[in-house]
Every structure is written in C-alpha cells, then in structure tokens.
Amino acid sequence: MLPSATSTLTFATLSSLPPHLAAIARKGYSFTAAPHHLIVYTDGSSLNNGKAGAKAGLGVYYGYGGEAADSSISERVPGSLQTNNRGELLVSFVGFLRSSADLGSRSFELWKIAHILTYRSRSEQTRNIPSKP
C-alpha cells in the first residue's frame, strides 16, 4: 500500500533493514519502515511563474551524506515553457530515472502521482471547478 499524499513517513532504523538495504542506507540513503521503500525528496518551482521571463527548476534529494548527497540534483527545467507545473512533473521522472539505487522507484512514482491528483482535487474544490469523472 502506498502512503497518501498527506501521510507522514516513518523511517526505518538501520537495524530493521535487511542486509542489502542496510548496506545502501550506510551510503546516506533512507528507507521507510516496512515495507522498505527508498525515500526520495523532490521539488519543482518557478520564479515569475506564468509571466514572461519565468525560470523553472527542479531538485532531487536522496540523502544527507556520502553517495546519496553526491547523487542529489538541482537543475533548470529545459525548454522555452518555464512553469512550476513542468518542474513538478519533470522532477518525478528525473528522480525516477536518476535514482542511484533502484529500490522503491515504482512506489515513489505512484506516490508523486497520487500527491498531484490530491492537490488537483483540492484546487478544484477551492475554485468550485467540477472534477472530471
């Protein structure tokens, strides 16, 4: 089961991880408590969003030290269309494709999509826009 967009992550302790995941965690990566999924933080943003001259970027953070810190990414969103939405969507794919440890990637992607859909639903309710069936 995947966490909801508003759930709080529970981190695994090193001693609770199976040996192959504990070895990865020693490199600075973090995992959720059982079931053990790799934790990857992502963000996309834009300065002057929706205006001429906007500049969008994305960031992927894998962990606090060692290999995980060296794998973290911060870069400009490519292309002429520079919006926070492009940054948010693109960062999901960048985080997935560049993951240094191929663990929990499917859960990460699905959680990000669930988060976006939850945000969309809240936004529609706020603006009184009917949700599509």
N, C-alpha and C. Protein backbone atom coordinates (compact mmCIF):
# COMPACT_ATOMS: atom_id res chain seq x y z
N MET A 1 0.84 -1.18 0.00
CA MET A 1 0.00 0.00 0.00
C MET A 1 0.88 1.23 0.00
N LEU A 2 0.53 2.20 -0.80
CA LEU A 2 1.29 3.43 -0.90
C LEU A 2 0.80 4.44 0.12
N PRO A 3 1.70 5.32 0.60
CA PRO A 3 1.26 6.36 1.52
C PRO A 3 0.37 7.36 0.80
N SER A 4 -0.54 7.96 1.54
CA SER A 4 -1.37 9.00 0.94
C SER A 4 -0.54 10.27 0.82
N ALA A 5 -1.02 11.22 0.06
CA ALA A 5 -0.28 12.46 -0.16
C ALA A 5 -0.10 13.26 1.12
N THR A 6 -0.92 13.00 2.13
CA THR A 6 -0.82 13.75 3.38
C THR A 6 -0.24 12.92 4.52
N SER A 7 0.18 11.69 4.25
CA SER A 7 0.68 10.84 5.31
C SER A 7 2.09 11.26 5.73
N THR A 8 2.46 10.86 6.94
CA THR A 8 3.78 11.12 7.47
C THR A 8 4.63 9.88 7.27
N LEU A 9 5.85 10.07 6.78
CA LEU A 9 6.74 8.94 6.57
C LEU A 9 7.29 8.45 7.89
N THR A 10 7.38 7.14 8.04
CA THR A 10 8.04 6.53 9.18
C THR A 10 9.32 5.92 8.66
N PHE A 11 10.45 6.38 9.19
CA PHE A 11 11.74 5.94 8.71
C PHE A 11 12.15 4.62 9.34
N ALA A 12 12.83 3.79 8.56
CA ALA A 12 13.37 2.53 9.05
C ALA A 12 14.66 2.81 9.82
N THR A 13 14.91 2.04 10.83
CA THR A 13 16.21 2.10 11.51
C THR A 13 17.16 1.17 10.78
N LEU A 14 18.43 1.43 10.90
CA LEU A 14 19.43 0.61 10.22
C LEU A 14 19.29 -0.86 10.62
N SER A 15 19.03 -1.10 11.89
CA SER A 15 18.93 -2.49 12.37
C SER A 15 17.66 -3.20 11.87
N SER A 16 16.66 -2.43 11.42
CA SER A 16 15.42 -3.06 10.94
C SER A 16 15.48 -3.43 9.46
N LEU A 17 16.51 -2.96 8.78
CA LEU A 17 16.62 -3.22 7.34
C LEU A 17 17.29 -4.56 7.05
N PRO A 18 16.88 -5.22 5.96
CA PRO A 18 17.60 -6.42 5.53
C PRO A 18 19.03 -6.02 5.14
N PRO A 19 19.96 -6.94 5.20
CA PRO A 19 21.38 -6.60 4.95
C PRO A 19 21.64 -5.83 3.65
N HIS A 20 20.99 -6.19 2.54
CA HIS A 20 21.26 -5.50 1.28
C HIS A 20 20.78 -4.05 1.32
N LEU A 21 19.70 -3.75 2.04
CA LEU A 21 19.23 -2.37 2.17
C LEU A 21 20.04 -1.61 3.21
N ALA A 22 20.47 -2.30 4.27
CA ALA A 22 21.31 -1.66 5.29
C ALA A 22 22.61 -1.16 4.66
N ALA A 23 23.16 -1.93 3.72
CA ALA A 23 24.39 -1.51 3.04
C ALA A 23 24.16 -0.22 2.26
N ILE A 24 22.99 -0.09 1.63
CA ILE A 24 22.66 1.13 0.88
C ILE A 24 22.42 2.29 1.85
N ALA A 25 21.75 2.01 2.96
CA ALA A 25 21.47 3.06 3.95
C ALA A 25 22.77 3.62 4.54
N ARG A 26 23.79 2.80 4.65
CA ARG A 26 25.08 3.28 5.16
C ARG A 26 25.73 4.29 4.22
N LYS A 27 25.26 4.36 2.98
CA LYS A 27 25.77 5.32 2.00
C LYS A 27 25.00 6.64 2.06
N GLY A 28 24.07 6.77 3.01
CA GLY A 28 23.33 8.01 3.20
C GLY A 28 21.88 7.99 2.77
N TYR A 29 21.44 6.91 2.18
CA TYR A 29 20.04 6.80 1.73
C TYR A 29 19.13 6.44 2.90
N SER A 30 17.85 6.79 2.79
CA SER A 30 16.86 6.48 3.82
C SER A 30 15.76 5.60 3.24
N PHE A 31 15.15 4.82 4.10
CA PHE A 31 14.06 3.93 3.71
C PHE A 31 12.89 4.09 4.67
N THR A 32 11.70 3.77 4.16
CA THR A 32 10.52 3.76 5.03
C THR A 32 10.56 2.50 5.87
N ALA A 33 9.82 2.55 6.99
CA ALA A 33 9.62 1.33 7.76
C ALA A 33 8.87 0.36 6.86
N ALA A 34 8.85 -0.91 7.23
CA ALA A 34 8.27 -1.96 6.38
C ALA A 34 6.91 -1.55 5.84
N PRO A 35 6.67 -1.76 4.54
CA PRO A 35 7.61 -2.28 3.55
C PRO A 35 8.66 -1.22 3.23
N HIS A 36 9.88 -1.65 3.04
CA HIS A 36 11.01 -0.73 2.86
C HIS A 36 11.06 -0.17 1.44
N HIS A 37 10.82 1.15 1.35
CA HIS A 37 10.90 1.86 0.07
C HIS A 37 11.94 2.96 0.22
N LEU A 38 12.70 3.17 -0.83
CA LEU A 38 13.67 4.25 -0.86
C LEU A 38 12.93 5.59 -0.76
N ILE A 39 13.44 6.50 0.07
CA ILE A 39 12.83 7.81 0.23
C ILE A 39 13.60 8.79 -0.63
N VAL A 40 12.89 9.47 -1.53
CA VAL A 40 13.48 10.46 -2.42
C VAL A 40 12.62 11.72 -2.32
N TYR A 41 13.25 12.84 -2.00
CA TYR A 41 12.53 14.11 -1.91
C TYR A 41 12.67 14.85 -3.23
N THR A 42 11.58 15.42 -3.71
CA THR A 42 11.61 16.14 -4.99
C THR A 42 10.86 17.46 -4.87
N ASP A 43 11.26 18.41 -5.71
CA ASP A 43 10.53 19.67 -5.77
C ASP A 43 10.78 20.33 -7.12
N GLY A 44 9.76 20.97 -7.64
CA GLY A 44 9.86 21.77 -8.85
C GLY A 44 9.30 23.14 -8.54
N SER A 45 9.89 24.17 -9.12
CA SER A 45 9.41 25.52 -8.83
C SER A 45 9.69 26.44 -10.01
N SER A 46 9.15 27.65 -9.92
CA SER A 46 9.37 28.64 -10.96
C SER A 46 9.37 30.03 -10.35
N LEU A 47 10.32 30.84 -10.78
CA LEU A 47 10.32 32.26 -10.43
C LEU A 47 9.53 32.99 -11.52
N ASN A 48 8.68 33.90 -11.13
CA ASN A 48 7.82 34.65 -12.07
C ASN A 48 6.92 33.71 -12.87
N ASN A 49 6.38 32.72 -12.21
CA ASN A 49 5.54 31.73 -12.87
C ASN A 49 4.38 32.40 -13.61
N GLY A 50 4.17 31.97 -14.86
CA GLY A 50 3.08 32.48 -15.66
C GLY A 50 3.36 33.83 -16.32
N LYS A 51 4.57 34.33 -16.15
CA LYS A 51 4.92 35.63 -16.73
C LYS A 51 6.08 35.47 -17.71
N ALA A 52 6.25 36.45 -18.57
CA ALA A 52 7.38 36.45 -19.50
C ALA A 52 8.67 36.44 -18.68
N GLY A 53 9.63 35.66 -19.13
CA GLY A 53 10.92 35.59 -18.44
C GLY A 53 10.94 34.65 -17.25
N ALA A 54 9.89 33.85 -17.07
CA ALA A 54 9.87 32.90 -15.95
C ALA A 54 11.03 31.92 -16.09
N LYS A 55 11.53 31.46 -14.94
CA LYS A 55 12.62 30.49 -14.91
C LYS A 55 12.23 29.38 -13.94
N ALA A 56 12.21 28.13 -14.46
CA ALA A 56 11.79 26.99 -13.65
C ALA A 56 12.97 26.08 -13.37
N GLY A 57 12.90 25.40 -12.25
CA GLY A 57 13.95 24.46 -11.87
C GLY A 57 13.37 23.26 -11.15
N LEU A 58 14.25 22.30 -10.90
CA LEU A 58 13.83 21.09 -10.19
C LEU A 58 14.97 20.62 -9.30
N GLY A 59 14.61 19.90 -8.27
CA GLY A 59 15.61 19.35 -7.36
C GLY A 59 15.21 17.97 -6.88
N VAL A 60 16.21 17.10 -6.77
CA VAL A 60 16.02 15.75 -6.26
C VAL A 60 17.04 15.55 -5.14
N TYR A 61 16.56 15.18 -3.95
CA TYR A 61 17.43 14.99 -2.79
C TYR A 61 17.32 13.55 -2.33
N TYR A 62 18.46 12.85 -2.35
CA TYR A 62 18.47 11.44 -1.98
C TYR A 62 18.86 11.20 -0.52
N GLY A 63 19.62 12.09 0.07
CA GLY A 63 20.03 11.85 1.44
C GLY A 63 21.09 12.81 1.92
N TYR A 64 21.48 12.63 3.17
CA TYR A 64 22.29 13.60 3.90
C TYR A 64 23.79 13.49 3.71
N GLY A 65 24.29 12.38 3.25
CA GLY A 65 25.74 12.27 3.17
C GLY A 65 26.19 11.18 2.22
N GLY A 66 27.49 11.13 2.01
CA GLY A 66 28.08 10.09 1.18
C GLY A 66 27.56 10.07 -0.23
N GLU A 67 27.37 8.88 -0.76
CA GLU A 67 26.90 8.69 -2.13
C GLU A 67 25.54 9.35 -2.36
N ALA A 68 24.66 9.28 -1.36
CA ALA A 68 23.32 9.87 -1.50
C ALA A 68 23.41 11.38 -1.75
N ALA A 69 24.22 12.08 -0.96
CA ALA A 69 24.36 13.53 -1.13
C ALA A 69 24.97 13.86 -2.48
N ASP A 70 25.95 13.07 -2.90
CA ASP A 70 26.59 13.31 -4.19
C ASP A 70 25.65 13.06 -5.36
N SER A 71 24.61 12.27 -5.15
CA SER A 71 23.66 11.95 -6.21
C SER A 71 22.53 12.96 -6.33
N SER A 72 22.39 13.83 -5.34
CA SER A 72 21.31 14.82 -5.37
C SER A 72 21.48 15.75 -6.58
N ILE A 73 20.35 16.27 -7.07
CA ILE A 73 20.33 17.02 -8.33
C ILE A 73 19.61 18.34 -8.14
N SER A 74 20.11 19.37 -8.78
CA SER A 74 19.43 20.66 -8.87
C SER A 74 19.73 21.19 -10.26
N GLU A 75 18.69 21.41 -11.06
CA GLU A 75 18.94 21.87 -12.42
C GLU A 75 17.75 22.66 -12.98
N ARG A 76 18.00 23.34 -14.06
CA ARG A 76 16.99 24.14 -14.75
C ARG A 76 16.09 23.24 -15.58
N VAL A 77 14.81 23.57 -15.63
CA VAL A 77 13.87 22.85 -16.49
C VAL A 77 14.20 23.22 -17.94
N PRO A 78 14.37 22.22 -18.81
CA PRO A 78 14.72 22.53 -20.21
C PRO A 78 13.52 23.07 -20.99
N GLY A 79 13.80 23.73 -22.10
CA GLY A 79 12.75 24.20 -22.99
C GLY A 79 12.33 25.62 -22.73
N SER A 80 11.51 26.13 -23.62
CA SER A 80 11.09 27.52 -23.52
C SER A 80 9.91 27.72 -22.56
N LEU A 81 9.11 26.69 -22.33
CA LEU A 81 7.97 26.81 -21.42
C LEU A 81 8.46 26.57 -19.99
N GLN A 82 8.57 27.62 -19.21
CA GLN A 82 9.12 27.56 -17.86
C GLN A 82 8.00 27.79 -16.83
N THR A 83 7.44 26.70 -16.29
CA THR A 83 6.37 26.82 -15.29
C THR A 83 6.66 25.90 -14.11
N ASN A 84 6.05 26.22 -12.98
CA ASN A 84 6.22 25.36 -11.80
C ASN A 84 5.62 23.98 -12.05
N ASN A 85 4.54 23.89 -12.82
CA ASN A 85 3.93 22.59 -13.11
C ASN A 85 4.87 21.70 -13.92
N ARG A 86 5.56 22.27 -14.89
CA ARG A 86 6.54 21.48 -15.65
C ARG A 86 7.66 21.01 -14.73
N GLY A 87 8.09 21.87 -13.83
CA GLY A 87 9.13 21.48 -12.88
C GLY A 87 8.68 20.34 -11.98
N GLU A 88 7.45 20.43 -11.46
CA GLU A 88 6.92 19.39 -10.57
C GLU A 88 6.78 18.05 -11.29
N LEU A 89 6.27 18.07 -12.52
CA LEU A 89 6.10 16.82 -13.25
C LEU A 89 7.42 16.25 -13.73
N LEU A 90 8.29 17.09 -14.23
CA LEU A 90 9.57 16.63 -14.74
C LEU A 90 10.44 16.05 -13.63
N VAL A 91 10.37 16.64 -12.44
CA VAL A 91 11.21 16.15 -11.35
C VAL A 91 10.87 14.71 -10.96
N SER A 92 9.62 14.30 -11.14
CA SER A 92 9.24 12.92 -10.86
C SER A 92 10.01 11.97 -11.77
N PHE A 93 10.07 12.31 -13.05
CA PHE A 93 10.77 11.45 -14.00
C PHE A 93 12.28 11.49 -13.78
N VAL A 94 12.81 12.67 -13.50
CA VAL A 94 14.25 12.79 -13.25
C VAL A 94 14.63 11.98 -12.02
N GLY A 95 13.86 12.10 -10.94
CA GLY A 95 14.13 11.34 -9.72
C GLY A 95 14.06 9.85 -9.97
N PHE A 96 13.10 9.44 -10.76
CA PHE A 96 12.94 8.03 -11.08
C PHE A 96 14.10 7.52 -11.94
N LEU A 97 14.44 8.24 -12.99
CA LEU A 97 15.47 7.79 -13.93
C LEU A 97 16.88 7.85 -13.35
N ARG A 98 17.13 8.83 -12.50
CA ARG A 98 18.48 9.01 -11.97
C ARG A 98 18.67 8.40 -10.59
N SER A 99 17.71 7.66 -10.13
CA SER A 99 17.83 7.06 -8.81
C SER A 99 19.09 6.22 -8.72
N SER A 100 19.93 6.53 -7.74
CA SER A 100 21.19 5.81 -7.60
C SER A 100 21.00 4.38 -7.13
N ALA A 101 19.90 4.13 -6.46
CA ALA A 101 19.59 2.77 -6.01
C ALA A 101 18.20 2.43 -6.54
N ASP A 102 18.07 1.42 -7.33
CA ASP A 102 16.80 1.09 -7.97
C ASP A 102 15.90 0.34 -6.99
N LEU A 103 15.48 1.07 -5.94
CA LEU A 103 14.65 0.49 -4.90
C LEU A 103 13.47 1.40 -4.64
N GLY A 104 12.28 0.87 -4.62
CA GLY A 104 11.11 1.67 -4.31
C GLY A 104 10.73 2.66 -5.39
N SER A 105 11.32 2.57 -6.56
CA SER A 105 11.07 3.56 -7.60
C SER A 105 9.61 3.60 -8.01
N ARG A 106 8.99 2.44 -8.15
CA ARG A 106 7.57 2.43 -8.54
C ARG A 106 6.72 3.09 -7.48
N SER A 107 7.00 2.82 -6.22
CA SER A 107 6.23 3.45 -5.15
C SER A 107 6.44 4.95 -5.15
N PHE A 108 7.67 5.39 -5.40
CA PHE A 108 7.95 6.82 -5.46
C PHE A 108 7.13 7.48 -6.55
N GLU A 109 7.13 6.91 -7.73
CA GLU A 109 6.39 7.48 -8.85
C GLU A 109 4.90 7.54 -8.54
N LEU A 110 4.36 6.44 -8.04
CA LEU A 110 2.93 6.40 -7.76
C LEU A 110 2.56 7.36 -6.65
N TRP A 111 3.41 7.52 -5.65
CA TRP A 111 3.11 8.46 -4.58
C TRP A 111 3.08 9.88 -5.12
N LYS A 112 4.03 10.21 -5.98
CA LYS A 112 4.08 11.56 -6.56
C LYS A 112 2.82 11.82 -7.38
N ILE A 113 2.39 10.84 -8.17
CA ILE A 113 1.18 11.00 -8.96
C ILE A 113 -0.03 11.14 -8.04
N ALA A 114 -0.09 10.34 -6.97
CA ALA A 114 -1.20 10.46 -6.02
C ALA A 114 -1.20 11.84 -5.38
N HIS A 115 -0.02 12.37 -5.09
CA HIS A 115 0.09 13.70 -4.49
C HIS A 115 -0.44 14.77 -5.45
N ILE A 116 -0.07 14.67 -6.71
CA ILE A 116 -0.53 15.64 -7.72
C ILE A 116 -2.05 15.56 -7.86
N LEU A 117 -2.60 14.36 -7.91
CA LEU A 117 -4.05 14.21 -8.05
C LEU A 117 -4.78 14.75 -6.84
N THR A 118 -4.22 14.55 -5.64
CA THR A 118 -4.84 15.08 -4.43
C THR A 118 -4.83 16.60 -4.47
N TYR A 119 -3.70 17.19 -4.88
CA TYR A 119 -3.61 18.64 -4.98
C TYR A 119 -4.63 19.17 -6.00
N ARG A 120 -4.74 18.50 -7.14
CA ARG A 120 -5.69 18.92 -8.18
C ARG A 120 -7.11 18.91 -7.62
N SER A 121 -7.44 17.86 -6.91
CA SER A 121 -8.78 17.74 -6.36
C SER A 121 -9.06 18.87 -5.37
N ARG A 122 -8.10 19.18 -4.49
CA ARG A 122 -8.29 20.27 -3.53
C ARG A 122 -8.42 21.60 -4.26
N SER A 123 -7.62 21.80 -5.28
CA SER A 123 -7.66 23.04 -6.05
C SER A 123 -9.02 23.21 -6.72
N GLU A 124 -9.55 22.14 -7.27
CA GLU A 124 -10.85 22.20 -7.93
C GLU A 124 -11.95 22.53 -6.93
N GLN A 125 -11.85 21.97 -5.72
CA GLN A 125 -12.86 22.25 -4.70
C GLN A 125 -12.81 23.72 -4.29
N THR A 126 -11.60 24.26 -4.16
CA THR A 126 -11.42 25.65 -3.75
C THR A 126 -12.00 26.61 -4.79
N ARG A 127 -11.80 26.28 -6.06
CA ARG A 127 -12.25 27.16 -7.12
C ARG A 127 -13.63 26.76 -7.66
N ASN A 128 -14.26 25.78 -7.04
CA ASN A 128 -15.58 25.28 -7.45
C ASN A 128 -15.59 24.78 -8.90
N ILE A 129 -14.53 24.11 -9.28
CA ILE A 129 -14.45 23.50 -10.61
C ILE A 129 -14.83 22.04 -10.45
N PRO A 130 -15.81 21.56 -11.19
CA PRO A 130 -16.20 20.15 -11.03
C PRO A 130 -15.09 19.21 -11.49
N SER A 131 -14.88 18.15 -10.74
CA SER A 131 -13.90 17.12 -11.13
C SER A 131 -14.41 16.35 -12.30
N LYS A 132 -13.50 15.92 -13.16
CA LYS A 132 -13.88 15.10 -14.30
C LYS A 132 -14.13 13.68 -13.83
N PRO A 133 -15.12 12.98 -14.40
CA PRO A 133 -15.40 11.60 -13.95
C PRO A 133 -14.28 10.66 -14.30
